[in-house]
Each structure stands twice: as C-alpha cells, then as structure tokens.
Amino acid sequence: MKQAEQRLTIFGPNKLEEKRDSKIFKFVGFMWNPLS
C-alpha cells in the first residue's frame, strides 16, 4: 500500500497519461490514414 501511495505522490494519478496517450494515438492514426 505504501509503495502505491508513494508512486501516486511522485507520478500523480495516471488518468492524465491515458488522455495524453489517446491524443498521441489519434494523431498517429490521422497521420497513418489522413483521409479518415
């Protein structure tokens, strides 16, 4: 439990990471198939 709390304190919640990744995937998908 303490290790998880330390990671949460250091890195913060990973929801922002998920949003950032989805934006990257959308960008890559657009570059991969610009007609879509």
C-alpha atoms as a PDB file:
ATOM      1  CA  MET A   1       0.000   0.000   0.000  1.00  0.00           C
ATOM      2  CA  LYS A   2       2.758   2.443   0.894  1.00  0.00           C
ATOM      3  CA  GLN A   3       4.548   1.826  -2.394  1.00  0.00           C
ATOM      4  CA  ALA A   4       1.370   2.666  -4.300  1.00  0.00           C
ATOM      5  CA  GLU A   5       0.898   5.828  -2.234  1.00  0.00           C
ATOM      6  CA  GLN A   6       4.496   6.870  -2.928  1.00  0.00           C
ATOM      7  CA  ARG A   7       4.015   6.350  -6.657  1.00  0.00           C
ATOM      8  CA  LEU A   8       0.758   8.319  -6.549  1.00  0.00           C
ATOM      9  CA  THR A   9       2.594  11.159  -4.795  1.00  0.00           C
ATOM     10  CA  ILE A  10       5.540  11.106  -7.211  1.00  0.00           C
ATOM     11  CA  PHE A  11       3.798  10.438 -10.514  1.00  0.00           C
ATOM     12  CA  GLY A  12       0.240  11.508  -9.741  1.00  0.00           C
ATOM     13  CA  PRO A  13      -2.857   9.681 -10.994  1.00  0.00           C
ATOM     14  CA  ASN A  14      -2.373   8.001 -14.369  1.00  0.00           C
ATOM     15  CA  LYS A  15      -5.591   9.372 -15.884  1.00  0.00           C
ATOM     16  CA  LEU A  16      -3.644  12.235 -17.461  1.00  0.00           C
ATOM     17  CA  GLU A  17      -1.254   9.730 -19.004  1.00  0.00           C
ATOM     18  CA  GLU A  18      -4.185   7.859 -20.554  1.00  0.00           C
ATOM     19  CA  LYS A  19      -5.588  11.054 -22.062  1.00  0.00           C
ATOM     20  CA  ARG A  20      -2.184  12.035 -23.428  1.00  0.00           C
ATOM     21  CA  ASP A  21      -1.700   8.583 -24.949  1.00  0.00           C
ATOM     22  CA  SER A  22      -5.119   8.691 -26.611  1.00  0.00           C
ATOM     23  CA  LYS A  23      -4.248  12.065 -28.157  1.00  0.00           C
ATOM     24  CA  ILE A  24      -0.992  10.608 -29.458  1.00  0.00           C
ATOM     25  CA  PHE A  25      -2.820   7.593 -30.884  1.00  0.00           C
ATOM     26  CA  LYS A  26      -5.399   9.851 -32.555  1.00  0.00           C
ATOM     27  CA  PHE A  27      -2.594  11.926 -34.076  1.00  0.00           C
ATOM     28  CA  VAL A  28      -0.729   8.843 -35.283  1.00  0.00           C
ATOM     29  CA  GLY A  29      -3.960   7.404 -36.656  1.00  0.00           C
ATOM     30  CA  PHE A  30      -4.644  10.635 -38.530  1.00  0.00           C
ATOM     31  CA  MET A  31      -1.121  10.687 -39.979  1.00  0.00           C
ATOM     32  CA  TRP A  32      -1.421   6.994 -40.874  1.00  0.00           C
ATOM     33  CA  ASN A  33      -4.746   7.477 -42.680  1.00  0.00           C
ATOM     34  CA  PRO A  34      -5.310  11.212 -43.375  1.00  0.00           C
ATOM     35  CA  LEU A  35      -8.468  10.561 -45.422  1.00  0.00           C
ATOM     36  CA  SER A  36     -10.396   9.271 -42.397  1.00  0.00           C
END
